Amino acid sequence: MTYNMSTSTLSTIPSIIDKYLPPSLHPFFLLSYPIYPKLSSSSTTRFLRSSSSSNLQMENGVDGILYDKGIKDIYLVISCAIIFTLLRSITMNYVFAPFANYIITRNKNLELLQSSPVKSKVKIKSIQYTEESKKEKKKRNHTITRFSEQAWSWLYCTVYWTIGMFTLYSVPNPTSPEQLWGTYPFTPLPALTKFYYLSQLGWWFHQLYVINCEKRRKDHWQMFGHHILSITLIVTSYLANFTRIGVVIHVLMDFCDIFLPLAKMLRYLQFTQACDMTFVIFLISWLFSREIGLFLVIKTSYFDAPKFIKFKWSPSTGQYLTYKTYISFIGLVSLLWILATVWFYMACRVAVKVVKGEGAEDSRSDDEDEIGNEIEDENDSIDLDDDDIKLLDQVPQSVGTTTNSITTNGYSNGHRDGIKLNGINHAWSNGSGELKKRK
């Protein structure tokens, strides 16, 4: 069987893989079960009759190749999960950690220049400062690690929300009941829809790996349950041919997850005003996408689906909607909406605390407490997270990540002699702006 993922922009990828990889590895990197428009099959005929030729061109590119489903789709899911795991490690260690380290170093250097009574750079270079203390290294490394985790979540959600919007608006009026339910069963699938769905499933398996292989947070089981629910919804909607409504749910869920990681990233880099503005945007986006948007999904599922689809179990024709599956689907989406509502309530409480200027303990991560206990006996105390960061950490993320050390290139382990700025070893300010000279 030939595997293809043909679009005009990706036409070279299948040929490269076909040329350099053995056929046994093709399902791990290409979409399986291609169906060409000229082939005569009942499913292809049914799809072509229910879709105009212009819509087919819009959804599938120039070639118009559709894709059926089968057991080999699991291979692509596995490879996506592995690729996401590798990309997470690479981007955190070699992109986000160096970037965060650079910004933090620059900010501390500016703080040093502004707080020093000696304004001449020549004179400043002649001053020798103490090395970073153990506490200061832990604070900097912890901040870099947390920034990198949030940056990875932000990158994924931004990219996949964009892909989801392209997938969603490849057809006219994608949120109309006629498109969501009147095209059921929506099979075979366009290349972009199938890739989007399977790679999203790979992402959630990657998330399960992340939260279980690294140090657990206090909300581990809540996040574990959320990920299992997400996997269940993706698998069942994919197998039962409810991918149209599934893409809508993906887009709604990914949108606000762009802004919470971004707000945390800005806060870790001490851009407080930008952080506050982003957090407000996050709350508004959550309200419209998850609260209102998911409620409308439940509404159209309950009222519109039975108008367009007859309750019928017929695997040969791709129809799996019975009354039980209908109620089960609505129940799962409703559970997701309830979970989102509880989290939105928690986010609003955080917003109220920020307005009131109240502090809060981090209810999600154990790392800060453990690091604080390790350095409690040292002479000078230092807070690893200020109140704003602790407040932000109380807001649950559906793409939440656990905190673990980054050990590449010394960014998380810290430099043995501190960070050198223009040949100077600096000790970070303890909040009062004081700097200590090396004795």
Protein backbone atom coordinates (compact mmCIF):
# COMPACT_ATOMS: atom_id res chain seq x y z
CA MET A 1 0.00 0.00 0.00
CA THR A 2 1.23 3.49 -0.80
CA TYR A 3 1.24 6.05 1.96
CA ASN A 4 0.80 9.64 1.07
CA MET A 5 0.23 12.95 2.79
CA SER A 6 -0.12 14.95 -0.37
CA THR A 7 -0.64 18.67 -0.47
CA SER A 8 1.05 21.16 -2.74
CA THR A 9 3.28 22.39 0.08
CA LEU A 10 4.17 18.97 1.48
CA SER A 11 4.51 17.06 -1.76
CA THR A 12 8.21 16.47 -1.27
CA ILE A 13 7.88 14.87 2.18
CA PRO A 14 6.21 11.61 1.06
CA SER A 15 8.68 11.17 -1.77
CA ILE A 16 11.67 11.68 0.54
CA ILE A 17 10.31 9.22 3.11
CA ASP A 18 9.37 6.75 0.40
CA LYS A 19 12.88 6.95 -1.03
CA TYR A 20 14.98 6.75 2.13
CA LEU A 21 12.86 4.74 4.57
CA PRO A 22 11.81 1.11 4.26
CA PRO A 23 8.11 0.54 3.62
CA SER A 24 7.67 -0.92 7.11
CA LEU A 25 8.40 2.53 8.62
CA HIS A 26 6.08 4.50 6.33
CA PRO A 27 3.04 4.30 8.67
CA PHE A 28 5.07 5.98 11.44
CA PHE A 29 5.63 9.12 9.38
CA LEU A 30 2.90 9.26 6.73
CA LEU A 31 -0.87 9.05 6.69
CA SER A 32 -2.13 5.56 5.97
CA TYR A 33 -5.06 4.32 3.87
CA PRO A 34 -5.18 6.92 1.05
CA ILE A 35 -8.28 6.91 -1.13
CA TYR A 36 -8.07 8.59 -4.51
CA PRO A 37 -11.17 10.27 -6.00
CA LYS A 38 -11.13 8.06 -9.10
CA LEU A 39 -11.39 4.90 -7.01
CA SER A 40 -14.89 3.51 -6.73
CA SER A 41 -15.76 2.66 -3.18
CA SER A 42 -18.99 3.10 -1.31
CA SER A 43 -17.47 5.47 1.21
CA THR A 44 -15.79 7.61 -1.46
CA THR A 45 -18.96 7.73 -3.54
CA ARG A 46 -21.03 8.72 -0.52
CA PHE A 47 -18.59 11.47 0.38
CA LEU A 48 -18.42 12.86 -3.16
CA ARG A 49 -22.19 12.97 -3.38
CA SER A 50 -22.48 14.91 -0.12
CA SER A 51 -19.66 17.35 -0.93
CA SER A 52 -19.38 19.71 -3.86
CA SER A 53 -16.26 19.57 -6.01
CA SER A 54 -15.23 23.06 -4.86
CA ASN A 55 -15.42 22.04 -1.21
CA LEU A 56 -13.38 18.94 -2.01
CA GLN A 57 -10.68 21.09 -3.57
CA MET A 58 -10.67 23.42 -0.55
CA GLU A 59 -10.37 20.62 1.94
CA ASN A 60 -7.89 18.37 0.23
CA GLY A 61 -5.72 20.56 -1.93
CA VAL A 62 -5.00 20.04 -5.61
CA ASP A 63 -4.84 16.25 -5.51
CA GLY A 64 -8.05 15.77 -3.51
CA ILE A 65 -6.77 12.64 -1.77
CA LEU A 66 -8.89 11.39 1.13
CA TYR A 67 -7.83 9.02 3.89
CA ASP A 68 -9.64 6.14 5.52
CA LYS A 69 -9.01 4.89 9.08
CA GLY A 70 -7.38 1.72 10.31
CA ILE A 71 -5.16 0.07 12.86
CA LYS A 72 -2.01 1.52 11.29
CA ASP A 73 -3.07 4.99 12.43
CA ILE A 74 -1.74 3.99 15.86
CA TYR A 75 1.80 4.05 14.47
CA LEU A 76 1.55 7.72 13.55
CA VAL A 77 0.16 8.51 17.02
CA ILE A 78 3.13 6.76 18.63
CA SER A 79 5.64 8.60 16.46
CA CYS A 80 3.95 11.94 17.20
CA ALA A 81 4.14 11.29 20.95
CA ILE A 82 7.84 10.47 20.66
CA ILE A 83 8.52 13.48 18.45
CA PHE A 84 6.75 15.80 20.89
CA THR A 85 8.82 14.41 23.74
CA LEU A 86 12.06 14.95 21.83
CA LEU A 87 11.01 18.42 20.71
CA ARG A 88 10.13 19.35 24.28
CA SER A 89 13.58 18.37 25.50
CA ILE A 90 15.38 20.07 22.62
CA THR A 91 13.46 23.34 22.75
CA MET A 92 13.57 23.60 26.53
CA ASN A 93 17.30 22.96 26.77
CA TYR A 94 18.61 24.63 23.64
CA VAL A 95 16.10 27.39 22.87
CA PHE A 96 13.99 28.51 25.81
CA ALA A 97 16.50 27.99 28.62
CA PRO A 98 19.30 29.95 26.90
CA PHE A 99 16.83 32.69 26.01
CA ALA A 100 15.53 32.96 29.57
CA ASN A 101 19.09 32.87 30.91
CA TYR A 102 20.05 35.72 28.58
CA ILE A 103 17.09 37.91 29.61
CA ILE A 104 17.62 37.25 33.32
CA THR A 105 21.33 37.95 32.97
CA ARG A 106 20.63 41.19 31.14
CA ASN A 107 18.06 42.30 33.73
CA LYS A 108 20.46 41.61 36.59
CA ASN A 109 23.25 43.40 34.78
CA LEU A 110 21.04 46.46 34.34
CA GLU A 111 20.05 46.23 37.99
CA LEU A 112 23.73 46.18 38.96
CA LEU A 113 24.55 49.23 36.86
CA GLN A 114 21.59 51.18 38.22
CA SER A 115 22.22 50.32 41.87
CA SER A 116 25.98 50.83 41.83
CA PRO A 117 27.19 54.29 42.92
CA VAL A 118 30.02 53.92 40.43
CA LYS A 119 28.65 54.72 36.98
CA SER A 120 31.82 54.17 34.99
CA LYS A 121 31.87 50.78 33.34
CA VAL A 122 35.67 50.74 33.61
CA LYS A 123 35.45 51.16 37.39
CA ILE A 124 32.62 48.62 37.65
CA LYS A 125 34.76 46.00 35.93
CA SER A 126 37.41 46.46 38.56
CA ILE A 127 34.99 45.56 41.36
CA GLN A 128 34.96 41.88 42.32
CA TYR A 129 31.70 40.48 43.59
CA THR A 130 30.92 37.27 45.39
CA GLU A 131 29.82 34.16 43.59
CA GLU A 132 26.17 33.24 43.46
CA SER A 133 25.04 31.61 46.66
CA LYS A 134 23.32 28.26 46.64
CA LYS A 135 19.97 29.94 47.17
CA GLU A 136 20.47 32.38 44.34
CA LYS A 137 21.47 29.62 41.93
CA LYS A 138 18.39 27.63 42.84
CA LYS A 139 16.15 30.63 42.30
CA ARG A 140 17.62 31.42 38.90
CA ASN A 141 17.63 27.79 37.76
CA HIS A 142 14.09 27.29 39.00
CA THR A 143 12.89 30.37 37.10
CA ILE A 144 14.62 29.25 33.90
CA THR A 145 13.10 25.78 34.18
CA ARG A 146 9.59 27.08 34.78
CA PHE A 147 9.92 29.57 31.93
CA SER A 148 11.03 26.79 29.56
CA GLU A 149 8.10 24.56 30.52
CA GLN A 150 5.59 27.31 29.95
CA ALA A 151 7.26 28.31 26.69
CA TRP A 152 6.91 24.76 25.37
CA SER A 153 3.19 24.73 26.24
CA TRP A 154 2.75 28.14 24.62
CA LEU A 155 4.52 27.04 21.46
CA TYR A 156 2.43 23.91 21.06
CA CYS A 157 -0.92 25.62 21.69
CA THR A 158 -0.09 28.49 19.34
CA VAL A 159 0.95 26.20 16.49
CA TYR A 160 -1.90 23.73 16.91
CA TRP A 161 -4.59 26.35 17.40
CA THR A 162 -3.44 27.85 14.08
CA ILE A 163 -3.54 24.44 12.38
CA GLY A 164 -6.95 23.83 13.90
CA MET A 165 -8.29 27.11 12.50
CA PHE A 166 -7.00 26.20 9.04
CA THR A 167 -8.66 22.80 9.38
CA LEU A 168 -11.90 24.28 10.66
CA TYR A 169 -12.24 26.96 8.01
CA SER A 170 -11.31 24.72 5.09
CA VAL A 171 -15.07 24.34 4.64
CA PRO A 172 -17.73 27.08 4.46
CA ASN A 173 -19.75 27.78 7.61
CA PRO A 174 -17.83 25.20 9.67
CA THR A 175 -19.85 25.75 12.84
CA SER A 176 -23.28 25.54 11.24
CA PRO A 177 -25.45 22.54 12.21
CA GLU A 178 -25.52 21.52 8.54
CA GLN A 179 -21.74 21.15 8.47
CA LEU A 180 -21.33 19.73 11.98
CA TRP A 181 -24.07 17.11 11.72
CA GLY A 182 -25.46 17.15 8.17
CA THR A 183 -22.24 15.74 6.75
CA TYR A 184 -22.19 12.78 9.15
CA PRO A 185 -20.52 10.34 8.81
CA PHE A 186 -17.62 12.55 7.77
CA THR A 187 -15.42 9.87 6.26
CA PRO A 188 -12.98 9.42 4.60
CA LEU A 189 -10.99 12.37 5.93
CA PRO A 190 -8.97 15.14 4.29
CA ALA A 191 -5.22 14.90 4.91
CA LEU A 192 -5.06 17.92 7.20
CA THR A 193 -7.97 16.78 9.35
CA LYS A 194 -6.55 13.31 9.83
CA PHE A 195 -3.05 14.58 10.62
CA TYR A 196 -4.44 17.18 13.02
CA TYR A 197 -6.51 14.61 14.89
CA LEU A 198 -3.83 11.93 15.16
CA SER A 199 -1.09 14.35 16.15
CA GLN A 200 -3.34 15.85 18.83
CA LEU A 201 -3.85 12.35 20.19
CA GLY A 202 -0.09 11.88 20.18
CA TRP A 203 0.26 15.11 22.15
CA TRP A 204 -2.00 13.89 24.96
CA PHE A 205 -0.10 10.62 25.24
CA HIS A 206 3.05 12.74 25.41
CA GLN A 207 1.41 14.73 28.22
CA LEU A 208 0.66 11.52 30.13
CA TYR A 209 4.32 10.60 29.85
CA VAL A 210 5.43 14.03 31.07
CA ILE A 211 3.29 14.13 34.20
CA ASN A 212 4.23 10.57 35.16
CA CYS A 213 7.94 10.50 34.41
CA GLU A 214 8.81 13.68 36.27
CA LYS A 215 8.23 14.91 39.80
CA ARG A 216 4.55 14.96 40.68
CA ARG A 217 2.66 18.07 41.60
CA LYS A 218 -0.16 18.32 44.07
CA ASP A 219 -2.74 18.33 41.26
CA HIS A 220 -1.25 15.27 39.57
CA TRP A 221 -4.39 13.17 39.63
CA GLN A 222 -6.62 16.02 38.48
CA MET A 223 -4.36 16.57 35.49
CA PHE A 224 -4.12 12.81 34.90
CA GLY A 225 -7.92 12.58 34.83
CA HIS A 226 -8.14 15.52 32.44
CA HIS A 227 -5.66 13.91 30.05
CA ILE A 228 -7.51 10.57 30.14
CA LEU A 229 -10.79 12.39 29.41
CA SER A 230 -9.19 14.21 26.49
CA ILE A 231 -7.79 10.97 25.05
CA THR A 232 -11.17 9.28 25.42
CA LEU A 233 -12.97 12.09 23.59
CA ILE A 234 -10.41 12.14 20.76
CA VAL A 235 -10.40 8.37 20.25
CA THR A 236 -14.17 7.92 20.39
CA SER A 237 -14.94 10.90 18.15
CA TYR A 238 -12.32 9.73 15.65
CA LEU A 239 -13.59 6.17 15.50
CA ALA A 240 -17.25 7.24 15.44
CA ASN A 241 -16.61 9.80 12.66
CA PHE A 242 -17.44 12.87 14.74
CA THR A 243 -14.30 14.68 13.63
CA ARG A 244 -16.13 17.82 12.51
CA ILE A 245 -17.36 18.64 16.02
CA GLY A 246 -14.08 17.30 17.41
CA VAL A 247 -12.04 19.90 15.54
CA VAL A 248 -14.30 22.63 16.95
CA ILE A 249 -13.68 21.39 20.51
CA HIS A 250 -9.92 21.25 19.89
CA VAL A 251 -9.84 24.85 18.66
CA LEU A 252 -11.91 26.07 21.61
CA MET A 253 -9.73 24.30 24.17
CA ASP A 254 -6.39 25.35 22.67
CA PHE A 255 -7.17 29.05 22.32
CA CYS A 256 -7.00 30.23 25.92
CA ASP A 257 -4.09 27.89 26.65
CA ILE A 258 -2.01 30.24 24.52
CA PHE A 259 -2.35 33.10 26.99
CA LEU A 260 -1.83 31.54 30.44
CA PRO A 261 1.64 30.13 29.63
CA LEU A 262 2.47 33.45 27.96
CA ALA A 263 1.43 35.36 31.09
CA LYS A 264 3.66 33.15 33.23
CA MET A 265 6.56 33.53 30.81
CA LEU A 266 6.28 37.31 31.00
CA ARG A 267 6.12 37.20 34.78
CA TYR A 268 9.20 35.01 35.08
CA LEU A 269 11.06 37.58 32.98
CA GLN A 270 9.69 40.37 35.23
CA PHE A 271 7.59 42.06 32.55
CA THR A 272 4.79 42.64 35.05
CA GLN A 273 2.59 45.01 33.07
CA ALA A 274 2.59 42.78 30.01
CA CYS A 275 1.86 39.83 32.30
CA ASP A 276 -1.17 41.57 33.81
CA MET A 277 -2.57 42.47 30.39
CA THR A 278 -2.03 38.93 29.11
CA PHE A 279 -3.76 37.44 32.15
CA VAL A 280 -6.80 39.63 31.52
CA ILE A 281 -6.85 38.45 27.89
CA PHE A 282 -6.56 34.89 29.16
CA LEU A 283 -9.63 35.26 31.39
CA ILE A 284 -11.67 36.81 28.58
CA SER A 285 -10.60 34.12 26.12
CA TRP A 286 -11.48 31.37 28.61
CA LEU A 287 -14.93 32.88 29.13
CA PHE A 288 -15.73 32.96 25.42
CA SER A 289 -13.98 29.80 24.26
CA ARG A 290 -14.47 27.31 27.07
CA GLU A 291 -17.47 28.56 29.00
CA ILE A 292 -19.64 29.93 26.20
CA GLY A 293 -18.09 27.97 23.32
CA LEU A 294 -18.25 24.54 24.97
CA PHE A 295 -21.79 25.25 26.18
CA LEU A 296 -22.84 25.95 22.59
CA VAL A 297 -21.18 22.70 21.53
CA ILE A 298 -23.26 20.82 24.11
CA LYS A 299 -26.37 22.70 22.97
CA THR A 300 -25.93 21.87 19.29
CA SER A 301 -25.05 18.26 20.14
CA TYR A 302 -28.23 17.84 22.16
CA PHE A 303 -30.70 19.69 19.93
CA ASP A 304 -29.26 19.60 16.39
CA ALA A 305 -27.61 16.19 16.09
CA PRO A 306 -30.89 14.22 16.21
CA LYS A 307 -32.36 16.50 13.52
CA PHE A 308 -29.71 15.54 10.98
CA ILE A 309 -28.66 12.05 12.08
CA LYS A 310 -30.81 9.00 12.58
CA PHE A 311 -29.90 6.77 15.50
CA LYS A 312 -28.30 3.83 13.75
CA TRP A 313 -25.43 1.43 14.39
CA SER A 314 -23.96 0.51 11.02
CA PRO A 315 -20.16 0.10 10.96
CA SER A 316 -20.23 -0.79 7.26
CA THR A 317 -21.50 2.71 6.43
CA GLY A 318 -19.54 4.49 9.18
CA GLN A 319 -22.61 5.28 11.32
CA TYR A 320 -22.17 4.79 15.06
CA LEU A 321 -24.74 7.14 16.55
CA THR A 322 -27.19 5.31 18.75
CA TYR A 323 -29.09 6.82 21.64
CA LYS A 324 -26.52 5.45 24.09
CA THR A 325 -23.54 6.81 22.18
CA TYR A 326 -25.41 10.10 21.76
CA ILE A 327 -25.92 10.44 25.52
CA SER A 328 -22.38 9.26 26.25
CA PHE A 329 -20.86 11.85 23.93
CA ILE A 330 -22.88 14.67 25.45
CA GLY A 331 -21.97 13.41 28.92
CA LEU A 332 -18.23 13.45 28.17
CA VAL A 333 -18.34 16.95 26.68
CA SER A 334 -20.45 18.12 29.63
CA LEU A 335 -17.88 16.69 32.03
CA LEU A 336 -15.17 18.61 30.19
CA TRP A 337 -17.26 21.78 30.45
CA ILE A 338 -17.83 21.27 34.18
CA LEU A 339 -14.10 20.78 34.71
CA ALA A 340 -13.40 23.94 32.71
CA THR A 341 -15.98 25.83 34.78
CA VAL A 342 -14.34 24.78 38.05
CA TRP A 343 -10.96 25.89 36.72
CA PHE A 344 -12.43 29.18 35.51
CA TYR A 345 -13.75 29.80 39.00
CA MET A 346 -10.26 29.21 40.37
CA ALA A 347 -8.81 31.60 37.78
CA CYS A 348 -11.32 34.27 38.77
CA ARG A 349 -10.35 33.85 42.42
CA VAL A 350 -6.74 34.43 41.42
CA ALA A 351 -7.78 37.59 39.56
CA VAL A 352 -9.64 38.86 42.64
CA LYS A 353 -6.59 38.24 44.81
CA VAL A 354 -4.40 40.12 42.37
CA VAL A 355 -6.77 43.09 42.44
CA LYS A 356 -6.86 43.05 46.24
CA GLY A 357 -3.09 42.71 46.44
CA GLU A 358 -3.29 39.53 48.52
CA GLY A 359 -0.61 36.88 48.48
CA ALA A 360 -1.23 33.21 47.96
CA GLU A 361 0.61 29.95 48.36
CA ASP A 362 1.32 27.83 45.35
CA SER A 363 -1.32 25.11 45.36
CA ARG A 364 0.12 23.23 42.41
CA SER A 365 3.85 22.71 42.80
CA ASP A 366 5.87 21.13 45.57
CA ASP A 367 9.18 22.26 44.14
CA GLU A 368 9.23 25.69 45.70
CA ASP A 369 8.61 24.30 49.19
CA GLU A 370 11.33 21.69 48.86
CA ILE A 371 13.85 24.17 47.55
CA GLY A 372 12.91 26.54 50.33
CA ASN A 373 13.48 23.85 52.95
CA GLU A 374 16.88 22.99 51.52
CA ILE A 375 18.12 26.57 51.86
CA GLU A 376 16.26 27.52 55.02
CA ASP A 377 19.36 27.25 57.19
CA GLU A 378 21.38 29.72 55.17
CA ASN A 379 21.91 33.22 56.56
CA ASP A 380 20.11 35.29 53.93
CA SER A 381 16.59 34.20 52.99
CA ILE A 382 15.34 34.56 49.44
CA ASP A 383 11.88 33.92 47.97
CA LEU A 384 11.83 31.75 44.89
CA ASP A 385 8.48 33.02 43.67
CA ASP A 386 6.84 36.28 44.47
CA ASP A 387 3.11 36.52 45.12
CA ASP A 388 2.19 37.16 41.49
CA ILE A 389 3.91 34.00 40.28
CA LYS A 390 2.36 31.96 43.08
CA LEU A 391 -1.05 33.31 42.13
CA LEU A 392 -0.55 32.43 38.47
CA ASP A 393 0.61 28.95 39.42
CA GLN A 394 -2.76 28.34 41.09
CA VAL A 395 -4.52 28.51 37.72
CA PRO A 396 -4.71 24.97 36.28
CA GLN A 397 -3.57 24.42 32.70
CA SER A 398 -5.05 21.77 30.47
CA VAL A 399 -1.58 21.52 28.97
CA GLY A 400 0.09 21.72 32.34
CA THR A 401 3.62 20.48 32.75
CA THR A 402 5.55 19.34 35.76
CA THR A 403 8.62 21.02 37.06
CA ASN A 404 11.89 19.22 36.66
CA SER A 405 15.49 20.27 36.34
CA ILE A 406 17.01 21.02 32.99
CA THR A 407 20.50 19.63 32.99
CA THR A 408 21.85 20.61 29.61
CA ASN A 409 24.60 23.19 29.17
CA GLY A 410 24.51 24.13 32.82
CA TYR A 411 21.44 26.31 32.52
CA SER A 412 19.57 24.46 35.19
CA ASN A 413 22.44 23.08 37.19
CA GLY A 414 23.91 26.55 37.38
CA HIS A 415 27.41 27.74 36.66
CA ARG A 416 30.00 26.76 39.17
CA ASP A 417 31.32 30.29 39.50
CA GLY A 418 28.05 32.09 38.91
CA ILE A 419 27.16 33.97 35.75
CA LYS A 420 29.87 36.16 34.31
CA LEU A 421 28.85 39.51 32.93
CA ASN A 422 31.65 41.38 31.19
CA GLY A 423 34.19 39.41 33.20
CA ILE A 424 32.46 40.06 36.56
CA ASN A 425 31.07 37.42 38.88
CA HIS A 426 27.84 38.82 40.28
CA ALA A 427 25.68 37.91 43.23
CA TRP A 428 22.00 38.48 42.56
CA SER A 429 20.29 41.16 44.55
CA ASN A 430 18.34 39.89 47.56
CA GLY A 431 15.53 42.33 46.87
CA SER A 432 17.06 45.31 48.61
CA GLY A 433 19.39 46.08 45.76
CA GLU A 434 22.48 45.40 47.87
CA LEU A 435 25.51 43.78 46.31
CA LYS A 436 28.29 42.15 48.26
CA LYS A 437 31.94 42.49 47.44
CA ARG A 438 34.14 39.45 47.48
CA LYS A 439 36.28 39.40 50.58
